[in-house]
Protein backbone atom coordinates (compact mmCIF):
# COMPACT_ATOMS: atom_id res chain seq x y z
CA UNK A 1 101.05 95.01 105.02
CA UNK A 2 101.74 92.91 108.29
CA UNK A 3 103.15 92.83 111.69
CA UNK A 4 107.12 90.99 111.12
CA UNK A 5 106.98 89.66 114.62
CA UNK A 6 103.59 86.89 114.63
CA UNK A 7 104.11 87.04 110.41
CA UNK A 8 100.24 87.62 109.94
CA UNK A 9 99.16 89.49 107.18
CA UNK A 10 96.86 92.84 108.18
CA UNK A 11 95.20 94.60 105.67
CA UNK A 12 95.11 98.31 105.39
CA UNK A 13 92.32 100.91 103.82
CA UNK A 14 94.35 104.48 103.41
CA UNK A 15 91.79 106.99 105.15
CA UNK A 16 93.95 109.41 104.17
CA UNK A 17 97.20 111.30 103.23
CA UNK A 18 98.95 114.16 104.18
CA UNK A 19 102.39 116.37 103.11
CA UNK A 20 103.97 117.51 105.95
CA UNK A 21 106.99 118.94 104.67
CA UNK A 22 108.04 118.85 101.47
CA UNK A 23 110.20 115.57 101.66
CA UNK A 24 107.72 113.50 103.82
CA UNK A 25 104.06 112.48 103.68
CA UNK A 26 102.38 111.10 106.63
CA UNK A 27 99.47 108.02 105.82
CA UNK A 28 96.60 107.52 107.77
CA UNK A 29 95.40 103.41 108.06
CA UNK A 30 92.64 101.95 109.25
CA UNK A 31 93.19 97.54 109.95
CA UNK A 32 90.93 95.10 109.25
CA UNK A 33 91.99 92.87 111.78
CA UNK A 34 93.79 95.48 114.06
CA UNK A 35 96.46 94.06 116.46
CA UNK A 36 95.59 95.64 120.23
CA UNK A 37 99.75 94.92 121.16
CA UNK A 38 101.21 97.37 119.12
CA UNK A 39 102.07 100.51 120.32
CA UNK A 40 103.61 103.79 119.37
CA UNK A 41 107.34 103.01 117.54
CA UNK A 42 106.25 99.49 116.75
CA UNK A 43 107.18 98.63 113.05
CA UNK A 44 105.54 96.83 110.45
CA UNK A 45 106.28 95.03 107.37
CA UNK A 46 104.34 96.81 104.26
CA UNK A 47 104.39 95.03 101.70
CA UNK A 48 104.18 97.06 98.41
CA UNK A 49 102.32 96.32 95.21
CA UNK A 50 104.04 95.72 91.32
CA UNK A 51 104.25 97.90 88.78
CA UNK A 52 104.51 97.86 85.20
CA UNK A 53 107.87 97.57 85.13
CA UNK A 54 108.05 94.68 87.94
CA UNK A 55 106.09 92.48 87.15
CA UNK A 56 105.92 89.22 89.78
CA UNK A 57 108.41 91.18 92.35
CA UNK A 58 106.91 92.65 95.24
CA UNK A 59 108.48 95.14 97.40
CA UNK A 60 108.74 94.89 101.17
CA UNK A 61 109.71 98.12 103.29
CA UNK A 62 110.18 98.89 106.79
CA UNK A 63 107.78 101.01 108.88
CA UNK A 64 107.72 101.96 111.99
CA UNK A 65 103.98 103.29 113.56
CA UNK A 66 104.50 106.90 114.47
CA UNK A 67 100.81 106.86 116.23
CA UNK A 68 97.87 104.55 116.97
CA UNK A 69 94.44 104.59 117.46
CA UNK A 70 92.93 101.74 119.37
CA UNK A 71 89.80 102.64 119.75
CA UNK A 72 89.58 103.84 115.81
CA UNK A 73 91.85 101.05 115.09
CA UNK A 74 93.80 103.16 113.01
CA UNK A 75 97.72 103.53 112.82
CA UNK A 76 100.04 106.59 110.76
CA UNK A 77 103.12 106.07 109.47
CA UNK A 78 105.05 108.98 107.86
CA UNK A 79 107.01 107.96 104.64
CA UNK A 80 110.51 109.86 103.49
CA UNK A 81 109.79 111.03 99.96
CA UNK A 82 112.66 110.06 98.35
CA UNK A 83 114.51 111.63 94.36
CA UNK A 84 114.16 109.65 92.56
CA UNK A 85 111.37 108.04 93.58
CA UNK A 86 111.63 104.11 94.69
CA UNK A 87 108.93 101.98 95.20
CA UNK A 88 107.79 102.90 98.31
CA UNK A 89 107.69 106.65 97.49
CA UNK A 90 105.95 105.85 94.56
CA UNK A 91 102.93 104.34 96.66
CA UNK A 92 102.96 106.79 99.46
CA UNK A 93 102.40 109.44 96.57
CA UNK A 94 99.89 107.83 95.11
CA UNK A 95 98.19 106.35 98.14
């Protein structure tokens, strides 16, 4: 995942994944290198891993940061779950 404005790669670890409605999943992520300028409403680009069917074709999706905790270096992002599932839905469900 990286912040688009400066194109610097930011690696995040998924700490928590919760179903918040039938069609939404909330992920809490911790950053290895945390950007202190981020605020709720900022956006990030998520680089999704390749699947067996799409080797060599990574997908990039844009998400809005729902909340941010600077002291814990964590961000929260909500994912809409689509059917049929695309690459982002698949990733969010398995994160």
